[in-house]
Amino acid sequence: MVELRTRRRLLATLGATAAGGLAGCLSTFSRPEYDVGMRATAFAPEKITVEAGTTVVWRNTSARGHTVTAYGSTLPAGAAFFASGGYESTEAARTAWHGDSGGRLETSDTFSHTFDVPGTYSYVCIPHETSSMVGTVIVEE
């Protein structure tokens, strides 16, 4: 949580400081446009900590297609499943990917999910799972 809060606080400070001298040119940095980037075979960062109620945004920052798919069996009790493409289970997302690349995020595409239930959420990029492209969101109260 400190990692994401610190980054957002730093960027907000830079935007506020710059507003005086640069007429707000850096004000767009008050909040990053995404929280997790997607490299060729890794999420960056691989693990983030946020407060309950936070919306996390993933952005495909690579030239490869990626997915964001929760490991449904590991979700905290009462937590909503999430997957790019809007699938309702890990199995449905896998079937869609293997059928027609369902849930694929192209370069610069984004996906977001709001985490309301505290706990640990593990997720994967289905086409790069064998390369260990997995991530974790830790949600605190």
N, C-alpha and C. Protein backbone atom coordinates (compact mmCIF):
# COMPACT_ATOMS: atom_id res chain seq x y z
N MET A 1 0.83 -1.17 0.00
CA MET A 1 0.00 0.00 0.00
C MET A 1 0.87 1.23 0.00
N VAL A 2 1.94 1.20 0.75
CA VAL A 2 2.84 2.34 0.82
C VAL A 2 3.38 2.66 -0.56
N GLU A 3 3.73 1.62 -1.33
CA GLU A 3 4.29 1.80 -2.65
C GLU A 3 3.36 2.62 -3.56
N LEU A 4 2.09 2.23 -3.67
CA LEU A 4 1.15 2.92 -4.53
C LEU A 4 0.81 4.30 -3.98
N ARG A 5 0.60 4.40 -2.66
CA ARG A 5 0.31 5.69 -2.05
C ARG A 5 1.47 6.65 -2.25
N THR A 6 2.69 6.17 -2.05
CA THR A 6 3.86 7.03 -2.18
C THR A 6 3.99 7.54 -3.60
N ARG A 7 3.80 6.66 -4.58
CA ARG A 7 3.89 7.07 -5.98
C ARG A 7 2.85 8.12 -6.30
N ARG A 8 1.62 7.90 -5.88
CA ARG A 8 0.55 8.86 -6.16
C ARG A 8 0.80 10.19 -5.44
N ARG A 9 1.27 10.12 -4.17
CA ARG A 9 1.56 11.33 -3.42
C ARG A 9 2.68 12.13 -4.08
N LEU A 10 3.73 11.44 -4.53
CA LEU A 10 4.85 12.11 -5.20
C LEU A 10 4.38 12.79 -6.48
N LEU A 11 3.59 12.07 -7.26
CA LEU A 11 3.13 12.65 -8.52
C LEU A 11 2.17 13.82 -8.27
N ALA A 12 1.35 13.72 -7.23
CA ALA A 12 0.45 14.83 -6.90
C ALA A 12 1.25 16.04 -6.46
N THR A 13 2.32 15.81 -5.69
CA THR A 13 3.17 16.90 -5.24
C THR A 13 3.86 17.56 -6.42
N LEU A 14 4.37 16.75 -7.33
CA LEU A 14 5.02 17.30 -8.52
C LEU A 14 4.05 18.17 -9.32
N GLY A 15 2.82 17.71 -9.45
CA GLY A 15 1.81 18.47 -10.18
C GLY A 15 1.50 19.78 -9.49
N ALA A 16 1.37 19.75 -8.16
CA ALA A 16 1.06 20.97 -7.41
C ALA A 16 2.22 21.95 -7.44
N THR A 17 3.45 21.44 -7.32
CA THR A 17 4.63 22.30 -7.35
C THR A 17 4.80 22.93 -8.72
N ALA A 18 4.57 22.15 -9.74
CA ALA A 18 4.77 22.64 -11.10
C ALA A 18 3.70 23.64 -11.50
N ALA A 19 2.54 23.58 -10.88
CA ALA A 19 1.44 24.45 -11.27
C ALA A 19 1.83 25.92 -11.18
N GLY A 20 2.62 26.27 -10.17
CA GLY A 20 3.02 27.66 -10.02
C GLY A 20 3.98 28.09 -11.11
N GLY A 21 5.05 27.32 -11.33
CA GLY A 21 6.09 27.72 -12.26
C GLY A 21 5.83 27.34 -13.70
N LEU A 22 5.05 26.30 -13.92
CA LEU A 22 4.84 25.83 -15.29
C LEU A 22 3.38 25.94 -15.71
N ALA A 23 2.64 26.76 -15.04
CA ALA A 23 1.23 26.99 -15.37
C ALA A 23 0.44 25.69 -15.48
N GLY A 24 0.77 24.73 -14.61
CA GLY A 24 -0.01 23.49 -14.55
C GLY A 24 0.34 22.47 -15.61
N CYS A 25 1.44 22.63 -16.32
CA CYS A 25 1.80 21.68 -17.36
C CYS A 25 1.92 20.26 -16.84
N LEU A 26 2.32 20.08 -15.60
CA LEU A 26 2.47 18.74 -15.05
C LEU A 26 1.26 18.30 -14.24
N SER A 27 0.19 19.06 -14.27
CA SER A 27 -0.96 18.71 -13.45
C SER A 27 -1.58 17.39 -13.86
N THR A 28 -1.34 16.92 -15.07
CA THR A 28 -1.87 15.62 -15.48
C THR A 28 -1.22 14.50 -14.69
N PHE A 29 -0.13 14.78 -13.97
CA PHE A 29 0.53 13.76 -13.19
C PHE A 29 -0.03 13.64 -11.78
N SER A 30 -1.14 14.29 -11.49
CA SER A 30 -1.70 14.21 -10.15
C SER A 30 -2.14 12.78 -9.82
N ARG A 31 -2.44 11.98 -10.82
CA ARG A 31 -2.72 10.56 -10.63
C ARG A 31 -2.21 9.85 -11.87
N PRO A 32 -1.41 8.79 -11.68
CA PRO A 32 -0.91 8.05 -12.84
C PRO A 32 -2.08 7.52 -13.67
N GLU A 33 -1.87 7.38 -14.97
CA GLU A 33 -2.96 6.90 -15.82
C GLU A 33 -3.17 5.39 -15.70
N TYR A 34 -2.21 4.70 -15.11
CA TYR A 34 -2.39 3.28 -14.83
C TYR A 34 -1.55 2.90 -13.62
N ASP A 35 -1.93 1.79 -12.99
CA ASP A 35 -1.25 1.32 -11.78
C ASP A 35 -0.31 0.16 -12.07
N VAL A 36 -0.68 -0.68 -13.03
CA VAL A 36 0.12 -1.85 -13.37
C VAL A 36 0.33 -1.87 -14.88
N GLY A 37 1.58 -1.90 -15.30
CA GLY A 37 1.90 -2.02 -16.71
C GLY A 37 2.10 -3.48 -17.08
N MET A 38 2.10 -3.75 -18.37
CA MET A 38 2.33 -5.12 -18.86
C MET A 38 3.53 -5.09 -19.79
N ARG A 39 4.58 -5.78 -19.37
CA ARG A 39 5.78 -5.93 -20.19
C ARG A 39 5.61 -7.18 -21.05
N ALA A 40 6.65 -7.56 -21.76
CA ALA A 40 6.57 -8.73 -22.64
C ALA A 40 6.05 -9.97 -21.92
N THR A 41 6.59 -10.26 -20.73
CA THR A 41 6.14 -11.43 -19.98
C THR A 41 6.09 -11.16 -18.48
N ALA A 42 5.72 -9.94 -18.10
CA ALA A 42 5.64 -9.61 -16.68
C ALA A 42 4.70 -8.43 -16.44
N PHE A 43 4.03 -8.46 -15.30
CA PHE A 43 3.29 -7.30 -14.83
C PHE A 43 4.28 -6.41 -14.08
N ALA A 44 4.11 -5.10 -14.21
CA ALA A 44 5.04 -4.17 -13.54
C ALA A 44 4.26 -3.07 -12.83
N PRO A 45 4.22 -3.10 -11.51
CA PRO A 45 4.87 -4.06 -10.62
C PRO A 45 4.09 -5.36 -10.55
N GLU A 46 4.74 -6.40 -10.09
CA GLU A 46 4.09 -7.69 -9.95
C GLU A 46 3.14 -7.72 -8.75
N LYS A 47 3.41 -6.88 -7.76
CA LYS A 47 2.57 -6.86 -6.56
C LYS A 47 2.31 -5.41 -6.15
N ILE A 48 1.04 -5.10 -5.88
CA ILE A 48 0.69 -3.77 -5.37
C ILE A 48 -0.24 -3.94 -4.17
N THR A 49 -0.24 -2.94 -3.33
CA THR A 49 -1.12 -2.92 -2.16
C THR A 49 -1.96 -1.65 -2.25
N VAL A 50 -3.28 -1.81 -2.08
CA VAL A 50 -4.21 -0.70 -2.17
C VAL A 50 -5.21 -0.77 -1.03
N GLU A 51 -5.94 0.30 -0.82
CA GLU A 51 -7.03 0.31 0.16
C GLU A 51 -8.30 -0.22 -0.48
N ALA A 52 -9.16 -0.82 0.33
CA ALA A 52 -10.46 -1.29 -0.15
C ALA A 52 -11.20 -0.12 -0.80
N GLY A 53 -11.85 -0.39 -1.92
CA GLY A 53 -12.56 0.63 -2.66
C GLY A 53 -11.74 1.26 -3.77
N THR A 54 -10.47 0.87 -3.90
CA THR A 54 -9.59 1.42 -4.93
C THR A 54 -9.82 0.72 -6.26
N THR A 55 -9.83 1.49 -7.33
CA THR A 55 -9.88 0.94 -8.68
C THR A 55 -8.45 0.86 -9.20
N VAL A 56 -8.05 -0.34 -9.56
CA VAL A 56 -6.71 -0.56 -10.13
C VAL A 56 -6.86 -0.60 -11.65
N VAL A 57 -5.94 0.09 -12.33
CA VAL A 57 -5.94 0.13 -13.79
C VAL A 57 -4.68 -0.56 -14.31
N TRP A 58 -4.88 -1.53 -15.20
CA TRP A 58 -3.78 -2.18 -15.89
C TRP A 58 -3.70 -1.59 -17.29
N ARG A 59 -2.48 -1.42 -17.80
CA ARG A 59 -2.31 -0.93 -19.18
C ARG A 59 -1.28 -1.80 -19.88
N ASN A 60 -1.62 -2.21 -21.09
CA ASN A 60 -0.68 -3.00 -21.88
C ASN A 60 0.37 -2.03 -22.43
N THR A 61 1.56 -2.09 -21.86
CA THR A 61 2.66 -1.21 -22.24
C THR A 61 3.66 -1.93 -23.14
N SER A 62 3.28 -3.09 -23.66
CA SER A 62 4.17 -3.85 -24.53
C SER A 62 3.55 -4.01 -25.91
N ALA A 63 4.29 -4.64 -26.79
CA ALA A 63 3.80 -4.88 -28.15
C ALA A 63 3.03 -6.20 -28.26
N ARG A 64 3.02 -6.97 -27.19
CA ARG A 64 2.32 -8.26 -27.18
C ARG A 64 0.91 -8.11 -26.63
N GLY A 65 0.03 -9.01 -27.04
CA GLY A 65 -1.31 -9.05 -26.47
C GLY A 65 -1.28 -9.73 -25.12
N HIS A 66 -2.08 -9.25 -24.18
CA HIS A 66 -2.11 -9.79 -22.82
C HIS A 66 -3.55 -9.88 -22.32
N THR A 67 -3.72 -10.60 -21.22
CA THR A 67 -4.99 -10.63 -20.50
C THR A 67 -4.73 -10.34 -19.03
N VAL A 68 -5.78 -10.00 -18.33
CA VAL A 68 -5.76 -9.90 -16.87
C VAL A 68 -6.90 -10.81 -16.41
N THR A 69 -6.55 -11.88 -15.72
CA THR A 69 -7.55 -12.87 -15.32
C THR A 69 -7.30 -13.33 -13.88
N ALA A 70 -8.28 -13.13 -13.03
CA ALA A 70 -8.17 -13.57 -11.64
C ALA A 70 -8.09 -15.09 -11.57
N TYR A 71 -7.31 -15.57 -10.61
CA TYR A 71 -7.36 -16.98 -10.25
C TYR A 71 -8.56 -17.10 -9.32
N GLY A 72 -9.70 -17.49 -9.87
CA GLY A 72 -10.95 -17.51 -9.14
C GLY A 72 -10.92 -18.30 -7.85
N SER A 73 -10.19 -19.40 -7.84
CA SER A 73 -10.16 -20.26 -6.66
C SER A 73 -9.41 -19.63 -5.49
N THR A 74 -8.68 -18.54 -5.72
CA THR A 74 -7.91 -17.91 -4.65
C THR A 74 -8.50 -16.60 -4.16
N LEU A 75 -9.63 -16.19 -4.71
CA LEU A 75 -10.23 -14.90 -4.33
C LEU A 75 -10.72 -14.93 -2.88
N PRO A 76 -10.63 -13.80 -2.19
CA PRO A 76 -11.19 -13.73 -0.84
C PRO A 76 -12.71 -13.99 -0.87
N ALA A 77 -13.25 -14.52 0.21
CA ALA A 77 -14.69 -14.78 0.29
C ALA A 77 -15.47 -13.50 0.03
N GLY A 78 -16.44 -13.58 -0.87
CA GLY A 78 -17.30 -12.44 -1.18
C GLY A 78 -16.72 -11.49 -2.22
N ALA A 79 -15.53 -11.75 -2.70
CA ALA A 79 -14.90 -10.87 -3.69
C ALA A 79 -15.42 -11.16 -5.09
N ALA A 80 -15.51 -10.11 -5.90
CA ALA A 80 -15.96 -10.25 -7.28
C ALA A 80 -14.83 -10.76 -8.17
N PHE A 81 -15.17 -11.66 -9.07
CA PHE A 81 -14.21 -12.17 -10.06
C PHE A 81 -13.92 -11.05 -11.05
N PHE A 82 -12.72 -11.02 -11.62
CA PHE A 82 -12.39 -10.03 -12.63
C PHE A 82 -11.56 -10.64 -13.74
N ALA A 83 -11.82 -10.20 -14.96
CA ALA A 83 -11.05 -10.65 -16.12
C ALA A 83 -11.28 -9.69 -17.27
N SER A 84 -10.21 -9.38 -17.98
CA SER A 84 -10.39 -8.60 -19.21
C SER A 84 -11.27 -9.44 -20.14
N GLY A 85 -12.19 -8.81 -20.77
CA GLY A 85 -13.16 -9.54 -21.59
C GLY A 85 -14.46 -9.79 -20.85
N GLY A 86 -14.47 -9.54 -19.53
CA GLY A 86 -15.71 -9.65 -18.76
C GLY A 86 -16.15 -11.06 -18.44
N TYR A 87 -15.27 -12.02 -18.48
CA TYR A 87 -15.65 -13.40 -18.20
C TYR A 87 -15.98 -13.60 -16.73
N GLU A 88 -16.76 -14.65 -16.45
CA GLU A 88 -17.24 -14.87 -15.09
C GLU A 88 -16.44 -15.90 -14.31
N SER A 89 -15.44 -16.51 -14.93
CA SER A 89 -14.61 -17.48 -14.24
C SER A 89 -13.27 -17.61 -14.96
N THR A 90 -12.30 -18.16 -14.27
CA THR A 90 -11.00 -18.40 -14.87
C THR A 90 -11.14 -19.37 -16.04
N GLU A 91 -11.94 -20.39 -15.86
CA GLU A 91 -12.14 -21.39 -16.90
C GLU A 91 -12.76 -20.76 -18.16
N ALA A 92 -13.77 -19.89 -17.98
CA ALA A 92 -14.40 -19.23 -19.12
C ALA A 92 -13.40 -18.33 -19.85
N ALA A 93 -12.55 -17.64 -19.10
CA ALA A 93 -11.53 -16.79 -19.71
C ALA A 93 -10.52 -17.62 -20.49
N ARG A 94 -10.12 -18.76 -19.93
CA ARG A 94 -9.17 -19.64 -20.63
C ARG A 94 -9.78 -20.17 -21.93
N THR A 95 -11.03 -20.61 -21.86
CA THR A 95 -11.72 -21.13 -23.04
C THR A 95 -11.81 -20.05 -24.12
N ALA A 96 -12.15 -18.82 -23.72
CA ALA A 96 -12.26 -17.71 -24.68
C ALA A 96 -10.90 -17.40 -25.30
N TRP A 97 -9.85 -17.40 -24.47
CA TRP A 97 -8.51 -17.10 -25.01
C TRP A 97 -8.11 -18.15 -26.04
N HIS A 98 -8.28 -19.42 -25.70
CA HIS A 98 -7.86 -20.49 -26.59
C HIS A 98 -8.77 -20.60 -27.82
N GLY A 99 -10.00 -20.07 -27.72
CA GLY A 99 -10.91 -20.10 -28.86
C GLY A 99 -10.64 -19.01 -29.88
N ASP A 100 -10.52 -17.76 -29.40
CA ASP A 100 -10.33 -16.65 -30.35
C ASP A 100 -9.60 -15.46 -29.73
N SER A 101 -8.70 -15.74 -28.80
CA SER A 101 -7.94 -14.70 -28.10
C SER A 101 -8.85 -13.76 -27.31
N GLY A 102 -9.93 -14.30 -26.79
CA GLY A 102 -10.87 -13.51 -26.01
C GLY A 102 -10.22 -12.88 -24.79
N GLY A 103 -10.59 -11.63 -24.51
CA GLY A 103 -10.05 -10.91 -23.38
C GLY A 103 -8.72 -10.24 -23.66
N ARG A 104 -8.26 -10.33 -24.89
CA ARG A 104 -6.95 -9.79 -25.28
C ARG A 104 -6.93 -8.27 -25.18
N LEU A 105 -5.88 -7.77 -24.54
CA LEU A 105 -5.64 -6.32 -24.48
C LEU A 105 -4.47 -6.02 -25.42
N GLU A 106 -4.73 -5.19 -26.40
CA GLU A 106 -3.68 -4.80 -27.35
C GLU A 106 -2.83 -3.69 -26.74
N THR A 107 -1.76 -3.32 -27.41
CA THR A 107 -0.89 -2.25 -26.95
C THR A 107 -1.69 -1.00 -26.61
N SER A 108 -1.46 -0.45 -25.43
CA SER A 108 -2.11 0.75 -24.88
C SER A 108 -3.53 0.53 -24.37
N ASP A 109 -4.12 -0.65 -24.57
CA ASP A 109 -5.44 -0.92 -24.01
C ASP A 109 -5.35 -0.98 -22.49
N THR A 110 -6.44 -0.65 -21.83
CA THR A 110 -6.49 -0.71 -20.37
C THR A 110 -7.64 -1.60 -19.91
N PHE A 111 -7.51 -2.05 -18.69
CA PHE A 111 -8.54 -2.82 -18.00
C PHE A 111 -8.53 -2.33 -16.56
N SER A 112 -9.70 -2.22 -15.95
CA SER A 112 -9.74 -1.77 -14.55
C SER A 112 -10.71 -2.63 -13.75
N HIS A 113 -10.45 -2.66 -12.45
CA HIS A 113 -11.31 -3.39 -11.53
C HIS A 113 -11.25 -2.69 -10.17
N THR A 114 -12.40 -2.57 -9.53
CA THR A 114 -12.48 -1.98 -8.20
C THR A 114 -12.48 -3.09 -7.17
N PHE A 115 -11.55 -2.98 -6.21
CA PHE A 115 -11.38 -3.99 -5.17
C PHE A 115 -12.06 -3.51 -3.88
N ASP A 116 -13.19 -4.13 -3.57
CA ASP A 116 -13.97 -3.72 -2.40
C ASP A 116 -13.72 -4.58 -1.16
N VAL A 117 -13.31 -5.82 -1.36
CA VAL A 117 -13.15 -6.76 -0.26
C VAL A 117 -11.66 -6.91 0.08
N PRO A 118 -11.28 -6.65 1.33
CA PRO A 118 -9.87 -6.83 1.72
C PRO A 118 -9.41 -8.28 1.51
N GLY A 119 -8.14 -8.43 1.18
CA GLY A 119 -7.57 -9.76 0.99
C GLY A 119 -6.51 -9.74 -0.09
N THR A 120 -6.07 -10.92 -0.48
CA THR A 120 -5.04 -11.06 -1.51
C THR A 120 -5.67 -11.63 -2.77
N TYR A 121 -5.41 -10.98 -3.88
CA TYR A 121 -5.96 -11.35 -5.18
C TYR A 121 -4.80 -11.71 -6.11
N SER A 122 -4.79 -12.94 -6.59
CA SER A 122 -3.78 -13.36 -7.55
C SER A 122 -4.41 -13.38 -8.94
N TYR A 123 -3.63 -12.98 -9.93
CA TYR A 123 -4.14 -12.95 -11.30
C TYR A 123 -3.03 -13.33 -12.28
N VAL A 124 -3.43 -13.57 -13.52
CA VAL A 124 -2.50 -14.10 -14.52
C VAL A 124 -2.78 -13.49 -15.89
N CYS A 125 -1.77 -13.48 -16.73
CA CYS A 125 -1.94 -13.24 -18.16
C CYS A 125 -1.98 -14.63 -18.78
N ILE A 126 -3.11 -15.03 -19.29
CA ILE A 126 -3.29 -16.41 -19.76
C ILE A 126 -2.26 -16.79 -20.83
N PRO A 127 -2.04 -15.99 -21.88
CA PRO A 127 -1.08 -16.45 -22.90
C PRO A 127 0.37 -16.50 -22.41
N HIS A 128 0.67 -15.86 -21.31
CA HIS A 128 2.06 -15.85 -20.81
C HIS A 128 2.18 -16.48 -19.41
N GLU A 129 1.22 -17.30 -19.05
CA GLU A 129 1.23 -17.96 -17.75
C GLU A 129 2.44 -18.89 -17.62
N THR A 130 2.81 -19.57 -18.69
CA THR A 130 3.96 -20.48 -18.63
C THR A 130 5.27 -19.71 -18.47
N SER A 131 5.25 -18.41 -18.74
CA SER A 131 6.43 -17.55 -18.51
C SER A 131 6.35 -16.87 -17.15
N SER A 132 5.43 -17.34 -16.32
CA SER A 132 5.23 -16.81 -14.96
C SER A 132 4.75 -15.36 -14.94
N MET A 133 3.91 -14.98 -15.90
CA MET A 133 3.34 -13.63 -15.89
C MET A 133 2.12 -13.64 -14.98
N VAL A 134 2.39 -13.49 -13.70
CA VAL A 134 1.35 -13.47 -12.67
C VAL A 134 1.55 -12.24 -11.81
N GLY A 135 0.48 -11.81 -11.18
CA GLY A 135 0.55 -10.63 -10.32
C GLY A 135 -0.33 -10.80 -9.09
N THR A 136 -0.16 -9.86 -8.17
CA THR A 136 -0.92 -9.90 -6.92
C THR A 136 -1.37 -8.49 -6.54
N VAL A 137 -2.61 -8.37 -6.13
CA VAL A 137 -3.13 -7.15 -5.53
C VAL A 137 -3.49 -7.48 -4.10
N ILE A 138 -2.90 -6.75 -3.18
CA ILE A 138 -3.24 -6.92 -1.77
C ILE A 138 -4.13 -5.75 -1.39
N VAL A 139 -5.32 -6.04 -0.89
CA VAL A 139 -6.29 -5.01 -0.53
C VAL A 139 -6.41 -4.96 0.99
N GLU A 140 -6.14 -3.77 1.52
CA GLU A 140 -6.22 -3.54 2.97
C GLU A 140 -7.41 -2.64 3.28
N GLU A 141 -7.87 -2.72 4.53
CA GLU A 141 -8.99 -1.87 4.95
C GLU A 141 -8.53 -0.46 5.15
